[in-house]
Amino acid sequence: MKRIVKSIAIIALIALVVLQFFRPEKNDSGYASVADFEAETKVSSEVATLLKNNCYDCHSNQTQYPWYAEIAPISLWLDDHVKHGKGDFNVSEWATYSLKKKEHKLEELIEEVKEGEMPLPSYTWIHGDLTSEEKKLLLQWATLTHNDFRAALQATQ
């Protein structure tokens, strides 16, 4: 029995070492990629800081990677989070979204934050959750911005 456990441990260690050679591509094209989003949605400096510190890592083409992002399998797990986050909403692609999609994404943002779905629990374990004041500030901005986009959308129909 000891021999089987030892063999499994050695195989697991070898697999972990081999995994270190498989690095996901970094998501770091710079914060200039969010400029269109911030300009069009008229974010205040407070909201911009809030978004940068809590949202852009997974929802833009700019991720600030923590030290542990260099260690597999965590690096692969983080890469998966970023890909899913960008797939759902990528502020770096804001300029390519239609007016209808922009309005819908803002509506989803409000819903996700209100329901406590964003930020993800796996993010808050390490980085902490938004405070009630931060949520209030984010929701105020998002609601006002969403209303502007909804009015613009209705004006085009």
Protein backbone atom coordinates (compact mmCIF):
# COMPACT_ATOMS: atom_id res chain seq x y z
CA MET A 1 0.00 0.00 0.00
CA LYS A 2 2.84 2.37 0.89
CA ARG A 3 4.41 1.69 -2.47
CA ILE A 4 1.21 2.66 -4.34
CA VAL A 5 0.86 5.89 -2.37
CA LYS A 6 4.52 6.73 -3.00
CA SER A 7 4.12 6.02 -6.74
CA ILE A 8 1.03 8.21 -6.95
CA ALA A 9 2.83 11.03 -5.12
CA ILE A 10 5.81 10.82 -7.48
CA ILE A 11 3.56 10.83 -10.56
CA ALA A 12 1.61 13.81 -9.19
CA LEU A 13 4.86 15.70 -8.50
CA ILE A 14 6.15 15.00 -12.01
CA ALA A 15 2.82 16.13 -13.50
CA LEU A 16 3.00 19.35 -11.46
CA VAL A 17 6.53 20.07 -12.66
CA VAL A 18 5.58 19.38 -16.29
CA LEU A 19 2.56 21.70 -15.96
CA GLN A 20 4.93 24.58 -15.13
CA PHE A 21 6.10 24.54 -18.76
CA PHE A 22 2.61 25.26 -20.10
CA ARG A 23 2.01 28.98 -19.68
CA PRO A 24 -1.20 30.68 -20.75
CA GLU A 25 -0.83 33.85 -22.80
CA LYS A 26 -0.92 37.00 -20.66
CA ASN A 27 -3.82 39.41 -20.99
CA ASP A 28 -2.00 42.73 -20.74
CA SER A 29 -2.52 45.09 -23.66
CA GLY A 30 -2.58 48.13 -21.38
CA TYR A 31 -5.22 50.36 -19.87
CA ALA A 32 -5.52 52.39 -23.08
CA SER A 33 -7.81 49.57 -24.19
CA VAL A 34 -10.51 50.76 -21.76
CA ALA A 35 -10.41 54.41 -22.84
CA ASP A 36 -13.42 54.17 -25.21
CA PHE A 37 -15.52 52.56 -22.49
CA GLU A 38 -14.59 55.11 -19.85
CA ALA A 39 -15.11 58.05 -22.20
CA GLU A 40 -18.48 56.93 -23.54
CA THR A 41 -19.87 55.89 -20.16
CA LYS A 42 -18.53 59.04 -18.45
CA VAL A 43 -17.01 57.33 -15.44
CA SER A 44 -15.85 59.51 -12.57
CA SER A 45 -12.32 59.07 -11.25
CA GLU A 46 -13.78 57.17 -8.26
CA VAL A 47 -15.69 54.75 -10.49
CA ALA A 48 -12.68 54.38 -12.80
CA THR A 49 -10.53 53.38 -9.82
CA LEU A 50 -13.22 50.98 -8.63
CA LEU A 51 -13.46 49.36 -12.06
CA LYS A 52 -9.67 49.14 -12.40
CA ASN A 53 -9.27 47.56 -8.97
CA ASN A 54 -12.21 45.15 -9.15
CA CYS A 55 -13.41 44.55 -12.70
CA TYR A 56 -10.82 45.12 -15.41
CA ASP A 57 -8.68 42.12 -14.45
CA CYS A 58 -11.35 39.79 -15.87
CA HIS A 59 -13.42 42.12 -18.04
CA SER A 60 -10.82 43.92 -20.17
CA ASN A 61 -7.67 43.24 -22.16
CA GLN A 62 -5.63 44.33 -19.15
CA THR A 63 -5.05 42.00 -16.22
CA GLN A 64 -2.81 42.71 -13.24
CA TYR A 65 -1.52 39.26 -12.37
CA PRO A 66 -0.71 38.36 -8.76
CA TRP A 67 2.48 36.44 -7.99
CA TYR A 68 0.67 33.13 -7.72
CA ALA A 69 -0.50 33.44 -11.33
CA GLU A 70 2.91 32.09 -12.33
CA ILE A 71 2.26 28.72 -10.72
CA ALA A 72 0.36 25.99 -12.55
CA PRO A 73 -2.39 24.87 -12.15
CA ILE A 74 -3.43 28.24 -10.65
CA SER A 75 -2.22 30.04 -13.79
CA LEU A 76 -4.52 27.86 -15.92
CA TRP A 77 -7.45 28.43 -13.57
CA LEU A 78 -6.94 32.23 -13.65
CA ASP A 79 -6.62 32.16 -17.43
CA ASP A 80 -9.96 30.36 -17.61
CA HIS A 81 -11.58 33.01 -15.37
CA VAL A 82 -10.24 35.84 -17.53
CA LYS A 83 -11.39 34.17 -20.76
CA HIS A 84 -14.89 33.62 -19.37
CA GLY A 85 -15.04 37.16 -17.97
CA LYS A 86 -14.00 38.70 -21.27
CA GLY A 87 -16.40 36.41 -23.09
CA ASP A 88 -19.30 37.75 -21.04
CA PHE A 89 -18.29 41.41 -21.04
CA ASN A 90 -15.07 42.96 -22.32
CA VAL A 91 -14.82 46.72 -21.84
CA SER A 92 -11.83 46.76 -24.19
CA GLU A 93 -14.21 45.75 -26.99
CA TRP A 94 -16.80 48.39 -26.03
CA ALA A 95 -16.37 50.39 -29.24
CA THR A 96 -17.33 47.32 -31.29
CA TYR A 97 -20.60 46.75 -29.39
CA SER A 98 -23.89 47.89 -30.90
CA LEU A 99 -26.02 50.36 -28.95
CA LYS A 100 -28.40 47.53 -28.06
CA LYS A 101 -25.54 45.35 -26.78
CA LYS A 102 -24.11 48.22 -24.72
CA GLU A 103 -27.48 48.83 -23.10
CA HIS A 104 -27.86 45.11 -22.39
CA LYS A 105 -24.35 44.75 -20.92
CA LEU A 106 -24.99 47.64 -18.54
CA GLU A 107 -28.29 46.06 -17.53
CA GLU A 108 -26.47 42.77 -16.82
CA LEU A 109 -23.78 44.59 -14.84
CA ILE A 110 -26.44 46.12 -12.58
CA GLU A 111 -28.20 42.79 -12.14
CA GLU A 112 -25.01 40.85 -11.37
CA VAL A 113 -23.81 43.36 -8.76
CA LYS A 114 -27.24 43.65 -7.11
CA GLU A 115 -27.54 39.86 -6.86
CA GLY A 116 -24.03 39.52 -5.44
CA GLU A 117 -22.89 37.47 -8.42
CA MET A 118 -20.10 39.93 -9.22
CA PRO A 119 -17.40 39.96 -8.27
CA LEU A 120 -17.17 36.17 -8.21
CA PRO A 121 -16.75 34.52 -4.80
CA SER A 122 -13.46 32.99 -5.98
CA TYR A 123 -12.21 36.55 -6.65
CA THR A 124 -13.39 37.92 -3.31
CA TRP A 125 -11.67 35.12 -1.33
CA ILE A 126 -8.33 36.67 -2.15
CA HIS A 127 -9.08 40.27 -3.13
CA GLY A 128 -12.00 41.03 -0.85
CA ASP A 129 -15.53 41.98 -1.80
CA LEU A 130 -16.86 45.39 -2.72
CA THR A 131 -17.89 47.42 0.29
CA SER A 132 -21.50 48.55 0.50
CA GLU A 133 -20.37 52.08 -0.40
CA GLU A 134 -18.47 50.82 -3.45
CA LYS A 135 -21.48 48.80 -4.58
CA LYS A 136 -23.71 51.85 -4.11
CA LEU A 137 -21.32 54.05 -6.13
CA LEU A 138 -20.99 51.45 -8.90
CA LEU A 139 -24.75 50.89 -9.09
CA GLN A 140 -25.49 54.63 -9.16
CA TRP A 141 -23.12 55.15 -12.08
CA ALA A 142 -24.28 52.01 -13.91
CA THR A 143 -27.98 52.86 -13.48
CA LEU A 144 -27.56 56.42 -14.76
CA THR A 145 -25.45 55.22 -17.66
CA HIS A 146 -27.86 52.39 -18.46
CA ASN A 147 -30.77 54.84 -18.50
CA ASP A 148 -28.88 57.06 -20.96
CA PHE A 149 -28.21 54.11 -23.26
CA ARG A 150 -31.80 52.86 -22.96
CA ALA A 151 -33.10 56.33 -23.92
CA ALA A 152 -30.70 56.47 -26.88
CA LEU A 153 -31.80 53.01 -27.96
CA GLN A 154 -35.49 53.93 -27.73
CA ALA A 155 -34.84 57.10 -29.74
CA THR A 156 -33.48 55.03 -32.60
CA GLN A 157 -36.51 52.75 -32.79
